[in-house]
Amino acid sequence: MTSYEEANEIISKEFSNYKLEIEEVDLSDSTGRILAEDIYSDIDLPTFTNSAMDGYAIKFNPGITQWKIIGEISAGNFKDYNIDEGLTVSIMTGGKIPDGADTIIPIEDIIIEKDTIILKENATFRKGINIRIKGNDLLKNQIALSKNIVIKPRHIAVAASCGKSKLKVYKKLNIAVLATGDELVDITTLPGEDKIRSSNLYALLSAINEMNQTGINLGIVKDQEDEIRTRITSFLNSDNNILITTGGVSVGKYDYVKSIMEELGININFWKANIKPGKPIIFGTYNNGSAIKFVFGLPGNPVSCIVNFLIFIKNNILHLLGVEKDDLFIAELTEDLKKKDGKKHFMRGMFSKSIDGNIFVKRVGLQSSGNLAEMGKANCLIIFDEEKRELKKGEKVFCIPI
């Protein structure tokens, strides 16, 4: 059986063969996308030496404590004064520094008497304070933003300052989701005595949207070979990049997904991982000569489905997009934990921080693969390694936030 580490390595290796497409989008539409180019500054930033606050521009001399006001400079309204010792101009935040001035005294540090400012007795100042030097943030032709970042509003501000009205970003992946099972009904349907609502379908689409990729809802299909074959064939012939199925991947009489994938030419890279929950996961690849497609078959149990997505799919997709995201954190157990097998367990947990910043974690309820309500109460997964059977209260463990 494939270990967790081996399974992740297999997925990562296959993903490394995929070449992402790039598109250009308007700056205002780029938030949340992955930057596919380095952004260079086309100017010095700041473009001129300016005041960092409202105050008075002077030529520093430690022996002078009062200055005559000879004018005013506001942001965007520069006037060319020659500032000598004993002279000053009122200047606003962002105003260009006039010739001769090298220091800004904050307005709260002075007393104004007619056309003169006087330094307050308790005020301290030194040469060069409160001045933003031209090019101090960035020099022309320096990298302002590096590619592979998730674009946020602060990055938009930087790109705008560099005159970029459009950005090159990686095209969103089209990730199709298909739920299988005779027992499934849509969430708008009141389930009968042997039916359940298809929660996996919506949980996976939500997780895809959270990564700012495009989720494609392929709906629900019955445990019938022809229907499953038709849906998977449709995916293989589409422009979608990844297929995630849920249900029908174990060894039951009506678990057709794996055999149909193989029949359709999908190469099964591994089936079953030595983990709990989520053991019967499938990962396959399909190459039609012009494009590689990735296929994941996840278990139907809701908790197993979500855990598999988090530990196998999410980080590998982010890595493919160039986003390095390691959310692992260390927490101290507040109780003993035990397991009976040699699988790597991902237990639902609840972590909290103490006033002094220490992180503590405890298990949330029973660890049944079908207990979705308990999953909703958890905020992390506690990693319980294969070789261990017992973890003691006070022990430090790795956790994944969810």
Protein backbone atom coordinates (compact mmCIF):
# COMPACT_ATOMS: atom_id res chain seq x y z
CA MET A 1 0.00 0.00 0.00
CA THR A 2 1.29 3.48 -0.86
CA SER A 3 2.43 5.61 2.05
CA TYR A 4 1.24 9.19 2.46
CA GLU A 5 4.70 10.54 1.60
CA GLU A 6 5.04 8.29 -1.47
CA ALA A 7 1.56 9.25 -2.70
CA ASN A 8 2.34 12.96 -2.40
CA GLU A 9 5.64 12.47 -4.22
CA ILE A 10 3.87 10.66 -7.07
CA ILE A 11 1.30 13.42 -7.44
CA SER A 12 3.96 16.13 -7.28
CA LYS A 13 6.09 14.40 -9.94
CA GLU A 14 3.15 14.04 -12.33
CA PHE A 15 2.05 17.64 -11.76
CA SER A 16 5.58 18.84 -12.60
CA ASN A 17 4.99 17.66 -16.19
CA TYR A 18 2.05 20.01 -16.64
CA LYS A 19 2.64 23.34 -18.37
CA LEU A 20 0.38 26.10 -17.13
CA GLU A 21 -1.18 28.50 -19.62
CA ILE A 22 -0.82 32.26 -19.17
CA GLU A 23 -3.31 35.01 -19.92
CA GLU A 24 -3.35 38.78 -19.53
CA VAL A 25 -6.04 40.40 -17.40
CA ASP A 26 -6.92 43.94 -16.38
CA LEU A 27 -5.24 45.05 -13.18
CA SER A 28 -8.62 45.55 -11.51
CA ASP A 29 -9.59 41.93 -12.30
CA SER A 30 -6.37 40.34 -11.07
CA THR A 31 -7.04 40.09 -7.32
CA GLY A 32 -6.66 36.50 -6.13
CA ARG A 33 -4.94 35.35 -9.32
CA ILE A 34 -1.40 33.96 -9.50
CA LEU A 35 1.11 36.38 -11.01
CA ALA A 36 2.95 34.79 -13.96
CA GLU A 37 5.57 37.48 -14.55
CA ASP A 38 8.04 39.60 -12.61
CA ILE A 39 6.93 43.22 -12.42
CA TYR A 40 9.68 45.82 -12.84
CA SER A 41 9.43 49.42 -11.76
CA ASP A 42 9.45 51.82 -14.73
CA ILE A 43 10.32 54.76 -12.45
CA ASP A 44 12.05 55.48 -9.17
CA LEU A 45 9.73 55.10 -6.19
CA PRO A 46 9.23 57.60 -4.69
CA THR A 47 9.70 59.57 -7.90
CA PHE A 48 10.97 62.60 -5.94
CA THR A 49 12.19 63.30 -2.42
CA ASN A 50 9.15 64.26 -0.35
CA SER A 51 7.83 64.91 3.14
CA ALA A 52 6.62 61.96 5.20
CA MET A 53 4.32 64.18 7.30
CA ASP A 54 2.80 67.60 7.73
CA GLY A 55 5.45 69.94 9.14
CA TYR A 56 8.14 72.43 8.24
CA ALA A 57 11.10 71.92 5.91
CA ILE A 58 14.41 73.28 7.22
CA LYS A 59 18.15 73.09 6.61
CA PHE A 60 19.40 71.33 9.71
CA ASN A 61 21.58 73.22 12.18
CA PRO A 62 21.54 72.04 15.80
CA GLY A 63 22.17 75.59 17.03
CA ILE A 64 19.04 77.04 15.42
CA THR A 65 15.66 76.68 17.18
CA GLN A 66 13.50 79.17 15.27
CA TRP A 67 12.91 79.82 11.58
CA LYS A 68 11.16 82.38 9.43
CA ILE A 69 8.28 81.05 7.29
CA ILE A 70 8.75 82.05 3.64
CA GLY A 71 6.10 79.93 1.94
CA GLU A 72 4.06 76.74 1.65
CA ILE A 73 4.26 73.53 -0.40
CA SER A 74 1.35 71.10 -0.61
CA ALA A 75 1.26 67.67 -2.31
CA GLY A 76 1.21 68.19 -6.08
CA ASN A 77 1.77 71.94 -5.82
CA PHE A 78 5.54 72.42 -5.70
CA LYS A 79 7.10 75.86 -5.50
CA ASP A 80 10.85 76.27 -5.83
CA TYR A 81 12.11 77.83 -2.63
CA ASN A 82 15.79 77.97 -1.69
CA ILE A 83 15.89 77.01 1.97
CA ASP A 84 18.84 78.42 3.88
CA GLU A 85 19.56 78.27 7.60
CA GLY A 86 16.95 80.16 9.56
CA LEU A 87 14.31 79.83 6.80
CA THR A 88 11.47 77.35 6.45
CA VAL A 89 8.40 76.51 4.42
CA SER A 90 5.23 74.82 5.58
CA ILE A 91 5.02 71.46 3.82
CA MET A 92 2.27 68.84 3.63
CA THR A 93 2.61 65.05 3.51
CA GLY A 94 3.79 64.07 0.04
CA GLY A 95 5.02 67.55 -0.83
CA LYS A 96 8.28 67.73 -2.77
CA ILE A 97 11.26 68.86 -0.69
CA PRO A 98 12.66 72.23 -1.86
CA ASP A 99 16.36 72.93 -2.52
CA GLY A 100 18.44 73.30 0.61
CA ALA A 101 15.99 71.54 2.94
CA ASP A 102 17.10 68.26 4.51
CA THR A 103 14.83 67.82 7.55
CA ILE A 104 11.12 68.01 8.37
CA ILE A 105 10.04 69.20 11.82
CA PRO A 106 6.59 67.81 12.71
CA ILE A 107 3.91 70.44 13.20
CA GLU A 108 3.25 69.22 16.74
CA ASP A 109 6.88 70.03 17.73
CA ILE A 110 6.72 73.75 17.02
CA ILE A 111 5.00 76.92 18.19
CA ILE A 112 3.88 79.40 15.53
CA GLU A 113 4.24 83.14 16.19
CA LYS A 114 3.16 85.23 13.18
CA ASP A 115 5.69 84.35 10.41
CA THR A 116 8.06 82.43 12.69
CA ILE A 117 8.15 78.88 14.06
CA ILE A 118 9.86 78.11 17.36
CA LEU A 119 10.99 74.63 18.39
CA LYS A 120 9.29 73.45 21.60
CA GLU A 121 11.64 72.95 24.54
CA ASN A 122 10.95 69.22 24.90
CA ALA A 123 11.11 68.51 21.16
CA THR A 124 14.02 66.50 19.77
CA PHE A 125 14.96 66.27 16.14
CA ARG A 126 17.88 65.19 14.00
CA LYS A 127 19.06 65.73 10.48
CA GLY A 128 17.09 63.91 7.79
CA ILE A 129 14.02 62.92 9.80
CA ASN A 130 10.59 62.60 8.16
CA ILE A 131 11.92 62.67 4.61
CA ARG A 132 11.28 59.99 1.97
CA ILE A 133 14.22 59.89 -0.42
CA LYS A 134 13.75 59.50 -4.17
CA GLY A 135 14.12 55.83 -5.14
CA ASN A 136 14.28 54.72 -1.51
CA ASP A 137 11.50 52.12 -2.06
CA LEU A 138 12.47 51.04 -5.56
CA LEU A 139 14.88 52.15 -8.24
CA LYS A 140 13.90 52.17 -11.88
CA ASN A 141 14.18 48.67 -13.46
CA GLN A 142 14.22 46.88 -10.09
CA ILE A 143 11.76 44.00 -9.49
CA ALA A 144 8.72 45.38 -7.69
CA LEU A 145 6.73 42.11 -7.56
CA SER A 146 7.99 38.58 -8.09
CA LYS A 147 5.95 36.05 -10.04
CA ASN A 148 4.00 33.21 -8.37
CA ILE A 149 2.47 35.40 -5.68
CA VAL A 150 -1.26 35.38 -4.99
CA ILE A 151 -2.22 38.91 -5.98
CA LYS A 152 -3.71 40.93 -3.12
CA PRO A 153 -4.83 44.57 -2.92
CA ARG A 154 -1.38 45.63 -1.64
CA HIS A 155 0.18 44.11 -4.77
CA ILE A 156 -2.33 45.96 -6.94
CA ALA A 157 -1.07 49.23 -5.42
CA VAL A 158 2.53 48.35 -6.27
CA ALA A 159 1.68 47.32 -9.84
CA ALA A 160 -0.33 50.49 -10.34
CA SER A 161 2.64 52.55 -9.12
CA CYS A 162 4.70 50.84 -11.80
CA GLY A 163 2.21 51.83 -14.50
CA LYS A 164 0.86 48.30 -15.11
CA SER A 165 -2.73 48.39 -16.34
CA LYS A 166 -2.66 44.67 -17.21
CA LEU A 167 -0.94 41.69 -15.60
CA LYS A 168 0.04 38.27 -16.88
CA VAL A 169 -1.47 35.56 -14.69
CA TYR A 170 -1.80 31.80 -14.85
CA LYS A 171 -5.06 30.63 -16.34
CA LYS A 172 -7.40 29.15 -13.79
CA LEU A 173 -7.54 25.38 -13.75
CA ASN A 174 -10.89 23.88 -14.70
CA ILE A 175 -11.56 21.26 -12.02
CA ALA A 176 -14.58 19.04 -12.61
CA VAL A 177 -16.34 17.28 -9.73
CA LEU A 178 -18.54 14.18 -10.14
CA ALA A 179 -20.40 12.45 -7.31
CA THR A 180 -21.32 8.78 -7.72
CA GLY A 181 -23.79 6.62 -5.79
CA ASP A 182 -27.35 5.31 -5.94
CA GLU A 183 -27.89 6.71 -2.45
CA LEU A 184 -27.21 10.33 -3.44
CA VAL A 185 -29.76 13.09 -4.01
CA ASP A 186 -29.21 16.79 -4.58
CA ILE A 187 -29.24 19.14 -1.59
CA THR A 188 -32.60 20.60 -2.65
CA THR A 189 -34.23 17.18 -2.25
CA LEU A 190 -35.58 15.82 1.02
CA PRO A 191 -33.79 12.45 1.27
CA GLY A 192 -35.85 9.30 1.62
CA GLU A 193 -35.21 6.53 4.10
CA ASP A 194 -32.13 5.14 2.29
CA LYS A 195 -30.85 8.33 0.59
CA ILE A 196 -28.40 11.07 1.58
CA ARG A 197 -27.73 14.54 0.26
CA SER A 198 -24.62 14.93 -1.89
CA SER A 199 -22.58 17.09 0.50
CA ASN A 200 -19.24 16.04 -1.02
CA LEU A 201 -20.09 17.67 -4.33
CA TYR A 202 -20.60 21.08 -2.78
CA ALA A 203 -17.74 20.80 -0.29
CA LEU A 204 -15.29 20.08 -3.10
CA LEU A 205 -16.61 22.87 -5.34
CA SER A 206 -16.31 25.27 -2.41
CA ALA A 207 -12.72 24.16 -1.74
CA ILE A 208 -11.88 24.72 -5.42
CA ASN A 209 -13.44 28.17 -5.39
CA GLU A 210 -11.50 29.00 -2.21
CA MET A 211 -8.29 28.48 -4.22
CA ASN A 212 -9.71 30.82 -6.89
CA GLN A 213 -9.81 28.05 -9.49
CA THR A 214 -12.86 27.15 -11.62
CA GLY A 215 -15.05 24.38 -10.25
CA ILE A 216 -17.20 22.49 -12.78
CA ASN A 217 -20.22 20.72 -11.31
CA LEU A 218 -20.76 17.43 -13.18
CA GLY A 219 -23.57 16.51 -10.83
CA ILE A 220 -24.56 13.11 -9.50
CA VAL A 221 -24.40 9.80 -11.36
CA LYS A 222 -25.91 6.47 -10.33
CA ASP A 223 -23.82 3.36 -9.71
CA GLN A 224 -24.31 2.25 -13.30
CA GLU A 225 -21.28 1.46 -15.46
CA ASP A 226 -22.62 3.05 -18.65
CA GLU A 227 -23.49 6.33 -16.93
CA ILE A 228 -20.16 6.57 -15.12
CA ARG A 229 -18.29 5.71 -18.33
CA THR A 230 -20.19 8.41 -20.25
CA ARG A 231 -19.44 11.11 -17.65
CA ILE A 232 -15.74 10.29 -17.41
CA THR A 233 -15.43 10.07 -21.20
CA SER A 234 -17.06 13.48 -21.44
CA PHE A 235 -14.41 14.87 -19.09
CA LEU A 236 -11.58 13.31 -21.09
CA ASN A 237 -12.92 14.95 -24.26
CA SER A 238 -13.39 18.36 -22.59
CA ASP A 239 -10.99 21.23 -21.92
CA ASN A 240 -11.17 20.59 -18.17
CA ASN A 241 -7.81 19.92 -16.51
CA ILE A 242 -8.64 17.87 -13.41
CA LEU A 243 -11.44 15.45 -12.53
CA ILE A 244 -12.35 14.65 -8.94
CA THR A 245 -14.85 11.84 -8.43
CA THR A 246 -16.28 10.92 -5.07
CA GLY A 247 -17.57 7.45 -4.23
CA GLY A 248 -17.21 4.07 -5.96
CA VAL A 249 -13.43 3.69 -5.48
CA SER A 250 -13.28 0.81 -2.99
CA VAL A 251 -13.80 -2.92 -3.60
CA GLY A 252 -17.56 -3.20 -3.29
CA LYS A 253 -19.81 -4.89 -5.85
CA TYR A 254 -20.88 -1.53 -7.31
CA ASP A 255 -17.52 0.28 -7.09
CA TYR A 256 -16.95 0.71 -10.81
CA VAL A 257 -14.86 3.90 -10.94
CA LYS A 258 -11.35 2.38 -10.97
CA SER A 259 -12.06 -0.28 -13.60
CA ILE A 260 -13.79 2.24 -15.87
CA MET A 261 -10.85 4.65 -15.54
CA GLU A 262 -8.45 1.90 -16.59
CA GLU A 263 -10.74 0.85 -19.46
CA LEU A 264 -10.72 4.44 -20.77
CA GLY A 265 -6.92 4.62 -20.81
CA ILE A 266 -6.34 6.49 -17.57
CA ASN A 267 -3.04 5.42 -16.03
CA ILE A 268 -3.58 4.62 -12.35
CA ASN A 269 -0.48 5.91 -10.55
CA PHE A 270 -1.64 4.59 -7.20
CA TRP A 271 -4.74 3.18 -5.56
CA LYS A 272 -5.10 3.07 -1.79
CA ALA A 273 -2.92 5.05 0.58
CA ASN A 274 -1.85 3.97 4.04
CA ILE A 275 -3.89 6.66 5.77
CA LYS A 276 -7.03 7.06 7.83
CA PRO A 277 -9.51 8.37 6.91
CA GLY A 278 -9.42 8.13 3.13
CA LYS A 279 -7.54 4.92 2.35
CA PRO A 280 -9.17 4.03 -1.02
CA ILE A 281 -7.98 7.08 -2.99
CA ILE A 282 -7.15 6.84 -6.71
CA PHE A 283 -4.73 9.10 -8.56
CA GLY A 284 -4.46 8.75 -12.31
CA THR A 285 -3.17 10.60 -15.36
CA TYR A 286 -4.46 10.73 -18.91
CA ASN A 287 -2.41 11.92 -21.87
CA ASN A 288 -4.19 12.21 -25.20
CA GLY A 289 -1.05 13.40 -26.97
CA SER A 290 -1.79 17.08 -26.70
CA ALA A 291 -2.66 17.57 -23.05
CA ILE A 292 -2.23 15.91 -19.67
CA LYS A 293 -5.27 15.49 -17.45
CA PHE A 294 -5.27 14.49 -13.80
CA VAL A 295 -7.89 12.27 -12.21
CA PHE A 296 -8.58 11.77 -8.51
CA GLY A 297 -11.04 9.22 -7.20
CA LEU A 298 -11.96 10.07 -3.61
CA PRO A 299 -13.97 7.96 -1.17
CA GLY A 300 -17.68 8.64 -0.70
CA ASN A 301 -17.51 9.03 3.07
CA PRO A 302 -17.73 12.80 3.64
CA VAL A 303 -14.84 13.13 6.09
CA SER A 304 -12.55 10.89 3.98
CA CYS A 305 -13.40 12.95 0.92
CA ILE A 306 -12.58 16.29 2.52
CA VAL A 307 -9.41 15.01 4.22
CA ASN A 308 -8.12 13.55 0.94
CA PHE A 309 -8.69 16.85 -0.82
CA LEU A 310 -6.82 18.75 1.87
CA ILE A 311 -3.80 16.47 2.19
CA PHE A 312 -3.33 15.33 -1.41
CA ILE A 313 -4.99 17.74 -3.83
CA LYS A 314 -4.98 21.26 -2.43
CA ASN A 315 -1.27 21.72 -1.72
CA ASN A 316 -0.24 19.98 -4.94
CA ILE A 317 -2.43 22.32 -6.98
CA LEU A 318 -1.01 25.35 -5.16
CA HIS A 319 2.50 24.01 -5.75
CA LEU A 320 1.71 23.56 -9.44
CA LEU A 321 0.65 27.22 -9.51
CA GLY A 322 3.95 28.18 -7.93
CA VAL A 323 2.45 29.05 -4.56
CA GLU A 324 4.50 27.61 -1.72
CA LYS A 325 2.10 27.13 1.15
CA ASP A 326 3.04 25.15 4.22
CA ASP A 327 0.33 25.53 6.81
CA LEU A 328 1.72 22.95 9.23
CA PHE A 329 1.97 24.12 12.81
CA ILE A 330 3.02 22.51 16.08
CA ALA A 331 0.63 22.21 19.02
CA GLU A 332 0.68 20.58 22.45
CA LEU A 333 -1.78 17.76 23.09
CA THR A 334 -4.19 18.25 25.98
CA GLU A 335 -5.09 14.54 26.11
CA ASP A 336 -3.73 11.07 25.31
CA LEU A 337 -4.40 9.68 21.82
CA LYS A 338 -4.29 6.04 20.74
CA LYS A 339 -4.69 4.06 17.51
CA LYS A 340 -4.60 0.36 16.73
CA ASP A 341 -3.15 0.24 13.22
CA GLY A 342 -0.04 1.24 11.28
CA LYS A 343 -1.78 3.86 9.14
CA LYS A 344 -1.01 7.57 9.19
CA HIS A 345 -4.03 9.13 10.86
CA PHE A 346 -5.38 12.62 10.28
CA MET A 347 -7.58 13.17 13.32
CA ARG A 348 -10.06 15.99 13.50
CA GLY A 349 -8.97 18.40 16.20
CA MET A 350 -9.61 21.76 17.80
CA PHE A 351 -6.64 24.03 18.50
CA SER A 352 -6.55 27.19 20.57
CA LYS A 353 -3.95 29.73 21.61
CA SER A 354 -3.20 30.73 25.19
CA ILE A 355 -2.54 34.31 26.27
CA ASP A 356 1.21 33.67 26.15
CA GLY A 357 0.98 32.42 22.54
CA ASN A 358 1.28 28.67 23.13
CA ILE A 359 -0.92 26.46 20.93
CA PHE A 360 -2.88 23.55 22.39
CA VAL A 361 -4.92 20.94 20.56
CA LYS A 362 -7.47 18.26 21.42
CA ARG A 363 -9.37 15.64 19.46
CA VAL A 364 -12.91 16.47 18.34
CA GLY A 365 -15.40 13.70 19.02
CA LEU A 366 -15.41 10.26 17.44
CA GLN A 367 -13.24 9.82 14.37
CA SER A 368 -15.81 8.12 12.12
CA SER A 369 -15.33 8.72 8.38
CA GLY A 370 -19.03 9.48 8.02
CA ASN A 371 -19.41 11.92 10.90
CA LEU A 372 -19.68 15.16 9.01
CA ALA A 373 -21.06 17.10 11.97
CA GLU A 374 -17.87 16.46 13.97
CA MET A 375 -15.83 17.62 10.96
CA GLY A 376 -17.75 20.88 11.04
CA LYS A 377 -16.66 21.45 14.64
CA ALA A 378 -12.96 20.87 13.96
CA ASN A 379 -10.47 23.54 12.93
CA CYS A 380 -7.45 21.31 12.26
CA LEU A 381 -6.20 17.83 11.48
CA ILE A 382 -3.85 16.23 14.02
CA ILE A 383 -1.14 14.17 12.28
CA PHE A 384 -0.60 10.79 13.96
CA ASP A 385 2.33 9.02 12.25
CA GLU A 386 2.32 5.40 11.07
CA GLU A 387 4.94 4.07 13.45
CA LYS A 388 3.25 5.37 16.59
CA ARG A 389 0.35 3.78 18.42
CA GLU A 390 0.07 6.26 21.27
CA LEU A 391 0.56 9.99 21.82
CA LYS A 392 0.75 11.31 25.36
CA LYS A 393 -0.78 14.45 26.83
CA GLY A 394 1.79 17.25 26.64
CA GLU A 395 3.43 15.82 23.52
CA LYS A 396 4.00 18.16 20.56
CA VAL A 397 2.28 17.20 17.31
CA PHE A 398 2.04 18.59 13.79
CA CYS A 399 -1.36 19.91 12.73
CA ILE A 400 -2.95 21.14 9.50
CA PRO A 401 -5.46 24.02 9.78
CA ILE A 402 -8.81 23.44 8.06
